[in-house]
């Protein structure tokens, strides 16, 4: 069974002076990422591999998660940044099959669209939300629309 953890980056600044790619996390975003990482650890929702968009806010979020979950440094994939649904589907279906549980740190609206595509579950992927999707598949390439189910969901707005 494959498991996919989708994590939307934590709250980033919208102050002028930053290009989108280089927007840093707000202090509240850092706290949210630490909180969500602790919840994932508490519920034993720990992927073996974390892949992130190379944007500063996603990498910072991913680094917080890797530190709190004792994971190796996150890999980056430029195809996650500003990705639309079908680009994200390609990222997932091309994941290495030796990993049964992978996490992706990315952006909206793509992550919300991906969640709906895989589960037909409508949820708000607000900043730093994390959702675990379980698939009855042995290969990432076999995953299709509505083939997964939400196994766990958390966000900074709820316990």
N, C-alpha and C. Protein backbone atom coordinates (compact mmCIF):
# COMPACT_ATOMS: atom_id res chain seq x y z
N UNK A 1 0.85 -1.18 0.00
CA UNK A 1 0.00 0.00 0.00
C UNK A 1 0.89 1.24 0.00
N UNK A 2 0.63 2.17 -0.91
CA UNK A 2 1.36 3.43 -0.99
C UNK A 2 0.67 4.48 -0.13
N UNK A 3 1.47 5.35 0.47
CA UNK A 3 0.94 6.46 1.26
C UNK A 3 1.63 7.74 0.81
N UNK A 4 0.80 8.79 0.66
CA UNK A 4 1.29 10.09 0.20
C UNK A 4 0.85 11.14 1.21
N UNK A 5 1.82 11.89 1.72
CA UNK A 5 1.54 12.98 2.64
C UNK A 5 1.71 14.29 1.89
N UNK A 6 0.61 15.05 1.78
CA UNK A 6 0.68 16.37 1.15
C UNK A 6 0.76 17.41 2.25
N UNK A 7 1.74 18.30 2.16
CA UNK A 7 1.92 19.37 3.13
C UNK A 7 1.99 20.69 2.37
N UNK A 8 1.10 21.60 2.70
CA UNK A 8 1.20 22.93 2.12
C UNK A 8 2.18 23.73 2.96
N UNK A 9 3.00 24.53 2.31
CA UNK A 9 3.99 25.33 3.03
C UNK A 9 3.31 26.18 4.10
N UNK A 10 4.07 26.52 5.13
CA UNK A 10 3.57 27.36 6.22
C UNK A 10 3.43 28.81 5.75
N UNK A 11 2.82 29.64 6.60
CA UNK A 11 2.56 31.04 6.26
C UNK A 11 3.84 31.78 5.92
N UNK A 12 3.81 32.44 4.76
CA UNK A 12 4.95 33.22 4.29
C UNK A 12 4.59 34.70 4.25
N UNK A 13 5.60 35.51 4.24
CA UNK A 13 5.38 36.95 4.19
C UNK A 13 4.82 37.37 2.83
N UNK A 14 4.03 38.43 2.84
CA UNK A 14 3.55 39.04 1.61
C UNK A 14 4.08 40.46 1.49
N UNK A 15 5.11 40.77 2.29
CA UNK A 15 5.70 42.10 2.27
C UNK A 15 6.35 42.36 0.91
N UNK A 16 6.34 43.62 0.50
CA UNK A 16 7.00 43.97 -0.75
C UNK A 16 8.51 43.82 -0.56
N UNK A 17 9.21 43.72 -1.65
CA UNK A 17 10.65 43.55 -1.58
C UNK A 17 11.10 42.13 -1.84
N UNK A 18 10.16 41.19 -1.88
CA UNK A 18 10.50 39.80 -2.15
C UNK A 18 9.85 39.35 -3.46
N UNK A 19 10.61 38.66 -4.29
CA UNK A 19 9.98 37.98 -5.41
C UNK A 19 9.30 36.74 -4.83
N UNK A 20 8.29 36.24 -5.50
CA UNK A 20 7.50 35.13 -4.97
C UNK A 20 8.36 33.95 -4.54
N UNK A 21 9.33 33.58 -5.35
CA UNK A 21 10.16 32.41 -5.10
C UNK A 21 10.96 32.53 -3.81
N UNK A 22 11.26 33.76 -3.38
CA UNK A 22 12.13 33.98 -2.24
C UNK A 22 11.40 34.48 -0.99
N UNK A 23 10.07 34.34 -0.96
CA UNK A 23 9.34 34.79 0.23
C UNK A 23 9.64 33.88 1.43
N UNK A 24 10.10 34.47 2.55
CA UNK A 24 10.39 33.67 3.74
C UNK A 24 9.12 33.40 4.55
N UNK A 25 9.23 32.45 5.46
CA UNK A 25 8.13 32.18 6.39
C UNK A 25 8.01 33.30 7.41
N UNK A 26 6.78 33.54 7.84
CA UNK A 26 6.54 34.43 8.97
C UNK A 26 6.89 33.66 10.25
N UNK A 27 7.15 34.37 11.35
CA UNK A 27 7.38 33.66 12.62
C UNK A 27 6.20 32.74 12.98
N UNK A 28 4.97 33.17 12.69
CA UNK A 28 3.81 32.32 12.97
C UNK A 28 3.82 31.08 12.09
N UNK A 29 4.34 31.19 10.88
CA UNK A 29 4.46 30.03 9.99
C UNK A 29 5.45 29.01 10.52
N UNK A 30 6.54 29.51 11.08
CA UNK A 30 7.53 28.60 11.67
C UNK A 30 6.91 27.84 12.84
N UNK A 31 6.18 28.54 13.68
CA UNK A 31 5.49 27.88 14.82
C UNK A 31 4.47 26.87 14.33
N UNK A 32 3.71 27.23 13.30
CA UNK A 32 2.72 26.29 12.74
C UNK A 32 3.40 25.03 12.22
N UNK A 33 4.50 25.18 11.51
CA UNK A 33 5.21 24.02 10.96
C UNK A 33 5.72 23.12 12.09
N UNK A 34 6.23 23.72 13.15
CA UNK A 34 6.69 22.93 14.30
C UNK A 34 5.53 22.18 14.95
N UNK A 35 4.38 22.85 15.06
CA UNK A 35 3.20 22.23 15.66
C UNK A 35 2.71 21.06 14.83
N UNK A 36 2.60 21.26 13.52
CA UNK A 36 2.09 20.19 12.64
C UNK A 36 3.08 19.03 12.60
N UNK A 37 4.37 19.32 12.56
CA UNK A 37 5.37 18.24 12.57
C UNK A 37 5.26 17.42 13.85
N UNK A 38 5.04 18.09 14.97
CA UNK A 38 4.87 17.37 16.25
C UNK A 38 3.62 16.50 16.22
N UNK A 39 2.53 17.00 15.64
CA UNK A 39 1.31 16.18 15.53
C UNK A 39 1.54 14.96 14.67
N UNK A 40 2.24 15.15 13.55
CA UNK A 40 2.51 14.00 12.68
C UNK A 40 3.34 12.95 13.42
N UNK A 41 4.35 13.40 14.14
CA UNK A 41 5.18 12.46 14.91
C UNK A 41 4.33 11.73 15.95
N UNK A 42 3.47 12.48 16.64
CA UNK A 42 2.61 11.91 17.67
C UNK A 42 1.66 10.85 17.11
N UNK A 43 1.19 11.05 15.88
CA UNK A 43 0.27 10.11 15.24
C UNK A 43 0.98 9.09 14.34
N UNK A 44 2.31 9.06 14.41
CA UNK A 44 3.13 8.11 13.64
C UNK A 44 2.90 8.26 12.14
N UNK A 45 2.74 9.50 11.69
CA UNK A 45 2.59 9.81 10.27
C UNK A 45 3.92 10.39 9.81
N UNK A 46 4.86 9.50 9.50
CA UNK A 46 6.22 9.91 9.18
C UNK A 46 6.64 9.26 7.85
N UNK A 47 6.75 10.06 6.80
CA UNK A 47 7.17 9.50 5.51
C UNK A 47 8.64 9.10 5.54
N UNK A 48 9.05 8.29 4.59
CA UNK A 48 10.45 7.88 4.48
C UNK A 48 11.25 8.89 3.66
N UNK A 49 10.55 9.65 2.81
CA UNK A 49 11.18 10.60 1.90
C UNK A 49 10.30 11.84 1.84
N UNK A 50 10.92 13.01 1.85
CA UNK A 50 10.20 14.28 1.72
C UNK A 50 10.76 15.00 0.49
N UNK A 51 9.85 15.44 -0.37
CA UNK A 51 10.23 16.16 -1.58
C UNK A 51 9.53 17.51 -1.55
N UNK A 52 10.26 18.57 -1.84
CA UNK A 52 9.71 19.92 -1.73
C UNK A 52 9.95 20.73 -3.00
N UNK A 53 9.08 21.69 -3.18
CA UNK A 53 9.31 22.73 -4.17
C UNK A 53 10.59 23.47 -3.74
N UNK A 54 11.37 23.99 -4.69
CA UNK A 54 12.60 24.69 -4.31
C UNK A 54 12.38 26.13 -3.81
N UNK A 55 11.14 26.61 -3.78
CA UNK A 55 10.88 27.96 -3.26
C UNK A 55 11.29 28.03 -1.79
N UNK A 56 11.74 29.18 -1.35
CA UNK A 56 12.25 29.34 0.02
C UNK A 56 11.22 28.91 1.07
N UNK A 57 9.96 29.32 0.91
CA UNK A 57 8.95 29.00 1.94
C UNK A 57 8.67 27.51 2.05
N UNK A 58 8.74 26.78 0.93
CA UNK A 58 8.52 25.33 1.00
C UNK A 58 9.75 24.61 1.53
N UNK A 59 10.94 25.07 1.14
CA UNK A 59 12.16 24.44 1.66
C UNK A 59 12.29 24.65 3.16
N UNK A 60 11.96 25.85 3.62
CA UNK A 60 12.03 26.11 5.06
C UNK A 60 11.03 25.24 5.80
N UNK A 61 9.81 25.14 5.26
CA UNK A 61 8.80 24.26 5.86
C UNK A 61 9.31 22.82 5.89
N UNK A 62 9.84 22.35 4.77
CA UNK A 62 10.35 20.98 4.68
C UNK A 62 11.48 20.75 5.68
N UNK A 63 12.36 21.73 5.84
CA UNK A 63 13.47 21.58 6.79
C UNK A 63 12.97 21.44 8.23
N UNK A 64 11.94 22.17 8.56
CA UNK A 64 11.36 22.05 9.91
C UNK A 64 10.80 20.64 10.10
N UNK A 65 10.11 20.12 9.09
CA UNK A 65 9.55 18.78 9.18
C UNK A 65 10.65 17.71 9.26
N UNK A 66 11.69 17.85 8.44
CA UNK A 66 12.75 16.83 8.47
C UNK A 66 13.45 16.83 9.82
N UNK A 67 13.65 18.01 10.41
CA UNK A 67 14.29 18.07 11.73
C UNK A 67 13.42 17.43 12.80
N UNK A 68 12.13 17.76 12.82
CA UNK A 68 11.24 17.25 13.86
C UNK A 68 10.89 15.77 13.68
N UNK A 69 10.96 15.29 12.45
CA UNK A 69 10.60 13.90 12.18
C UNK A 69 11.83 13.01 12.00
N UNK A 70 13.01 13.58 12.21
CA UNK A 70 14.28 12.83 12.07
C UNK A 70 14.41 12.18 10.70
N UNK A 71 14.14 12.97 9.66
CA UNK A 71 14.24 12.50 8.28
C UNK A 71 15.50 13.05 7.62
N UNK A 72 15.96 12.40 6.56
CA UNK A 72 17.07 12.99 5.79
C UNK A 72 16.60 14.31 5.16
N UNK A 73 17.55 15.12 4.76
CA UNK A 73 17.22 16.39 4.12
C UNK A 73 16.25 16.17 2.96
N UNK A 74 15.31 17.07 2.83
CA UNK A 74 14.31 16.95 1.75
C UNK A 74 14.97 17.11 0.39
N UNK A 75 14.49 16.34 -0.55
CA UNK A 75 14.88 16.53 -1.95
C UNK A 75 14.04 17.65 -2.52
N UNK A 76 14.53 18.29 -3.57
CA UNK A 76 13.72 19.32 -4.24
C UNK A 76 13.33 18.85 -5.63
N UNK A 77 12.18 19.35 -6.06
CA UNK A 77 11.70 19.06 -7.41
C UNK A 77 11.08 20.34 -7.95
N UNK A 78 11.71 20.93 -8.95
CA UNK A 78 11.24 22.21 -9.49
C UNK A 78 9.86 22.10 -10.11
N UNK A 79 9.43 20.90 -10.43
CA UNK A 79 8.10 20.71 -11.03
C UNK A 79 6.96 20.91 -10.03
N UNK A 80 7.29 21.03 -8.74
CA UNK A 80 6.26 21.26 -7.72
C UNK A 80 5.93 22.75 -7.61
N UNK A 81 6.90 23.61 -7.90
CA UNK A 81 6.69 25.05 -7.77
C UNK A 81 5.70 25.55 -8.83
N UNK A 82 4.66 26.24 -8.38
CA UNK A 82 3.61 26.78 -9.24
C UNK A 82 2.97 25.71 -10.14
N UNK A 83 2.97 24.48 -9.67
CA UNK A 83 2.48 23.37 -10.50
C UNK A 83 0.96 23.33 -10.54
N UNK A 84 0.46 23.04 -11.70
CA UNK A 84 -0.96 22.76 -11.86
C UNK A 84 -1.17 21.26 -11.62
N UNK A 85 -2.43 20.88 -11.59
CA UNK A 85 -2.80 19.51 -11.23
C UNK A 85 -2.01 18.45 -12.00
N UNK A 86 -1.99 18.53 -13.32
CA UNK A 86 -1.39 17.43 -14.09
C UNK A 86 0.12 17.35 -13.92
N UNK A 87 0.77 18.46 -13.65
CA UNK A 87 2.20 18.43 -13.34
C UNK A 87 2.43 17.70 -12.02
N UNK A 88 1.56 17.95 -11.03
CA UNK A 88 1.69 17.27 -9.74
C UNK A 88 1.36 15.79 -9.84
N UNK A 89 0.39 15.44 -10.66
CA UNK A 89 0.10 14.02 -10.88
C UNK A 89 1.34 13.33 -11.43
N UNK A 90 2.02 13.97 -12.38
CA UNK A 90 3.25 13.39 -12.93
C UNK A 90 4.32 13.23 -11.85
N UNK A 91 4.46 14.22 -10.97
CA UNK A 91 5.43 14.12 -9.88
C UNK A 91 5.14 12.88 -9.04
N UNK A 92 3.87 12.68 -8.69
CA UNK A 92 3.49 11.54 -7.84
C UNK A 92 3.67 10.21 -8.56
N UNK A 93 3.18 10.10 -9.78
CA UNK A 93 3.23 8.81 -10.48
C UNK A 93 4.65 8.43 -10.89
N UNK A 94 5.57 9.39 -10.82
CA UNK A 94 6.97 9.10 -11.15
C UNK A 94 7.84 8.93 -9.90
N UNK A 95 7.23 8.89 -8.72
CA UNK A 95 8.00 8.67 -7.50
C UNK A 95 8.66 7.30 -7.54
N UNK A 96 9.82 7.15 -6.89
CA UNK A 96 10.49 5.85 -6.88
C UNK A 96 9.69 4.81 -6.10
N UNK A 97 9.45 3.68 -6.73
CA UNK A 97 8.61 2.63 -6.14
C UNK A 97 9.19 2.00 -4.87
N UNK A 98 10.50 2.17 -4.63
CA UNK A 98 11.06 1.59 -3.41
C UNK A 98 10.56 2.31 -2.15
N UNK A 99 9.98 3.49 -2.31
CA UNK A 99 9.41 4.21 -1.18
C UNK A 99 7.91 3.96 -1.12
N UNK A 100 7.46 3.43 0.01
CA UNK A 100 6.03 3.18 0.19
C UNK A 100 5.31 4.42 0.73
N UNK A 101 6.05 5.32 1.39
CA UNK A 101 5.46 6.48 2.04
C UNK A 101 6.32 7.71 1.73
N UNK A 102 5.75 8.63 0.95
CA UNK A 102 6.46 9.84 0.52
C UNK A 102 5.65 11.06 0.91
N UNK A 103 6.34 12.12 1.29
CA UNK A 103 5.70 13.40 1.56
C UNK A 103 6.10 14.42 0.53
N UNK A 104 5.16 15.28 0.15
CA UNK A 104 5.41 16.37 -0.79
C UNK A 104 5.03 17.68 -0.13
N UNK A 105 5.96 18.63 -0.13
CA UNK A 105 5.70 19.96 0.41
C UNK A 105 5.56 20.90 -0.78
N UNK A 106 4.36 21.50 -0.90
CA UNK A 106 4.11 22.32 -2.08
C UNK A 106 3.19 23.49 -1.81
N UNK A 107 2.47 23.86 -2.85
CA UNK A 107 1.70 25.10 -2.89
C UNK A 107 0.24 24.83 -3.29
N UNK A 108 -0.59 25.79 -2.97
CA UNK A 108 -1.96 25.79 -3.49
C UNK A 108 -2.02 26.70 -4.71
N UNK A 109 -2.95 26.52 -5.62
CA UNK A 109 -4.10 25.62 -5.52
C UNK A 109 -3.79 24.17 -5.90
N UNK A 110 -2.57 23.91 -6.36
CA UNK A 110 -2.22 22.58 -6.85
C UNK A 110 -2.43 21.45 -5.86
N UNK A 111 -2.03 21.65 -4.60
CA UNK A 111 -2.19 20.57 -3.61
C UNK A 111 -3.66 20.25 -3.34
N UNK A 112 -4.50 21.29 -3.25
CA UNK A 112 -5.93 21.04 -3.04
C UNK A 112 -6.53 20.29 -4.23
N UNK A 113 -6.09 20.66 -5.42
CA UNK A 113 -6.58 19.98 -6.63
C UNK A 113 -6.11 18.53 -6.65
N UNK A 114 -4.87 18.29 -6.23
CA UNK A 114 -4.33 16.93 -6.20
C UNK A 114 -5.07 16.08 -5.17
N UNK A 115 -5.34 16.64 -4.01
CA UNK A 115 -6.11 15.95 -2.98
C UNK A 115 -7.47 15.54 -3.53
N UNK A 116 -8.15 16.46 -4.18
CA UNK A 116 -9.46 16.14 -4.74
C UNK A 116 -9.35 15.09 -5.85
N UNK A 117 -8.36 15.22 -6.71
CA UNK A 117 -8.18 14.27 -7.81
C UNK A 117 -8.01 12.85 -7.29
N UNK A 118 -7.18 12.68 -6.27
CA UNK A 118 -6.89 11.35 -5.76
C UNK A 118 -7.97 10.78 -4.84
N UNK A 119 -8.76 11.65 -4.19
CA UNK A 119 -9.70 11.15 -3.18
C UNK A 119 -11.15 11.57 -3.39
N UNK A 120 -11.38 12.58 -4.23
CA UNK A 120 -12.70 13.22 -4.38
C UNK A 120 -13.19 13.78 -3.05
N UNK A 121 -12.25 14.07 -2.16
CA UNK A 121 -12.54 14.67 -0.86
C UNK A 121 -12.20 16.16 -0.96
N UNK A 122 -13.15 17.01 -0.59
CA UNK A 122 -12.94 18.45 -0.64
C UNK A 122 -12.52 18.92 0.75
N UNK A 123 -11.29 19.40 0.84
CA UNK A 123 -10.77 19.92 2.11
C UNK A 123 -9.96 21.17 1.80
N UNK A 124 -9.94 22.06 2.75
CA UNK A 124 -9.17 23.28 2.60
C UNK A 124 -7.72 22.99 2.96
N UNK A 125 -6.85 23.09 1.99
CA UNK A 125 -5.42 22.93 2.25
C UNK A 125 -4.85 24.31 2.59
N UNK A 126 -5.24 24.82 3.77
CA UNK A 126 -4.72 26.11 4.18
C UNK A 126 -3.24 25.97 4.51
N UNK A 127 -2.59 27.08 4.82
CA UNK A 127 -1.15 27.02 5.04
C UNK A 127 -0.82 26.06 6.17
N UNK A 128 0.15 25.22 5.90
CA UNK A 128 0.68 24.20 6.80
C UNK A 128 -0.29 23.04 7.08
N UNK A 129 -1.35 22.92 6.32
CA UNK A 129 -2.21 21.75 6.44
C UNK A 129 -1.44 20.53 5.92
N UNK A 130 -1.75 19.37 6.50
CA UNK A 130 -1.13 18.12 6.08
C UNK A 130 -2.22 17.06 5.95
N UNK A 131 -2.19 16.32 4.86
CA UNK A 131 -3.18 15.28 4.65
C UNK A 131 -2.47 14.01 4.17
N UNK A 132 -2.81 12.91 4.79
CA UNK A 132 -2.26 11.60 4.42
C UNK A 132 -3.27 10.88 3.55
N UNK A 133 -2.82 10.47 2.37
CA UNK A 133 -3.67 9.73 1.44
C UNK A 133 -3.12 8.31 1.32
N UNK A 134 -4.00 7.33 1.52
CA UNK A 134 -3.62 5.93 1.39
C UNK A 134 -4.16 5.37 0.08
N UNK A 135 -3.33 4.60 -0.60
CA UNK A 135 -3.70 3.99 -1.88
C UNK A 135 -3.53 2.48 -1.79
N UNK A 136 -4.43 1.76 -2.40
CA UNK A 136 -4.31 0.31 -2.50
C UNK A 136 -3.55 0.01 -3.80
N UNK A 137 -2.26 0.34 -3.79
CA UNK A 137 -1.43 0.17 -4.97
C UNK A 137 -0.02 -0.18 -4.51
N UNK A 138 0.71 -0.88 -5.35
CA UNK A 138 2.10 -1.22 -5.03
C UNK A 138 3.07 -0.39 -5.85
N UNK A 139 2.58 0.30 -6.88
CA UNK A 139 3.42 1.15 -7.73
C UNK A 139 2.78 2.53 -7.83
N UNK A 140 3.62 3.56 -7.73
CA UNK A 140 3.11 4.92 -7.85
C UNK A 140 2.46 5.16 -9.20
N UNK A 141 2.98 4.54 -10.22
CA UNK A 141 2.44 4.71 -11.58
C UNK A 141 1.04 4.13 -11.75
N UNK A 142 0.59 3.30 -10.81
CA UNK A 142 -0.75 2.70 -10.89
C UNK A 142 -1.83 3.56 -10.24
N UNK A 143 -1.43 4.65 -9.59
CA UNK A 143 -2.40 5.49 -8.88
C UNK A 143 -3.21 6.30 -9.88
N UNK A 144 -4.51 6.33 -9.68
CA UNK A 144 -5.43 7.01 -10.60
C UNK A 144 -6.37 7.92 -9.83
N UNK A 145 -7.19 8.63 -10.56
CA UNK A 145 -8.20 9.50 -9.97
C UNK A 145 -9.12 8.69 -9.06
N UNK A 146 -9.42 9.25 -7.90
CA UNK A 146 -10.33 8.66 -6.92
C UNK A 146 -9.90 7.27 -6.46
N UNK A 147 -8.59 7.02 -6.45
CA UNK A 147 -8.10 5.71 -6.02
C UNK A 147 -7.54 5.74 -4.60
N UNK A 148 -7.56 6.90 -3.96
CA UNK A 148 -7.03 7.01 -2.61
C UNK A 148 -8.10 7.42 -1.62
N UNK A 149 -7.75 7.32 -0.36
CA UNK A 149 -8.66 7.77 0.69
C UNK A 149 -7.86 8.54 1.75
N UNK A 150 -8.51 9.53 2.34
CA UNK A 150 -7.86 10.33 3.37
C UNK A 150 -7.76 9.50 4.65
N UNK A 151 -6.53 9.30 5.12
CA UNK A 151 -6.30 8.52 6.33
C UNK A 151 -6.04 9.41 7.54
N UNK A 152 -5.61 10.65 7.29
CA UNK A 152 -5.32 11.58 8.40
C UNK A 152 -5.28 12.99 7.82
N UNK A 153 -5.79 13.94 8.57
CA UNK A 153 -5.76 15.35 8.17
C UNK A 153 -5.53 16.21 9.40
N UNK A 154 -4.69 17.21 9.25
CA UNK A 154 -4.50 18.19 10.33
C UNK A 154 -4.11 19.52 9.72
N UNK A 155 -4.43 20.57 10.43
CA UNK A 155 -4.02 21.91 10.03
C UNK A 155 -3.85 22.74 11.29
N UNK A 156 -3.18 23.89 11.18
CA UNK A 156 -2.98 24.73 12.36
C UNK A 156 -4.31 25.21 12.97
N UNK A 157 -5.39 25.19 12.21
CA UNK A 157 -6.68 25.68 12.67
C UNK A 157 -7.47 24.66 13.46
N UNK A 158 -6.98 23.44 13.56
CA UNK A 158 -7.74 22.41 14.28
C UNK A 158 -6.78 21.46 14.99
N UNK A 159 -7.28 20.79 15.95
CA UNK A 159 -6.50 19.79 16.70
C UNK A 159 -6.58 18.46 16.01
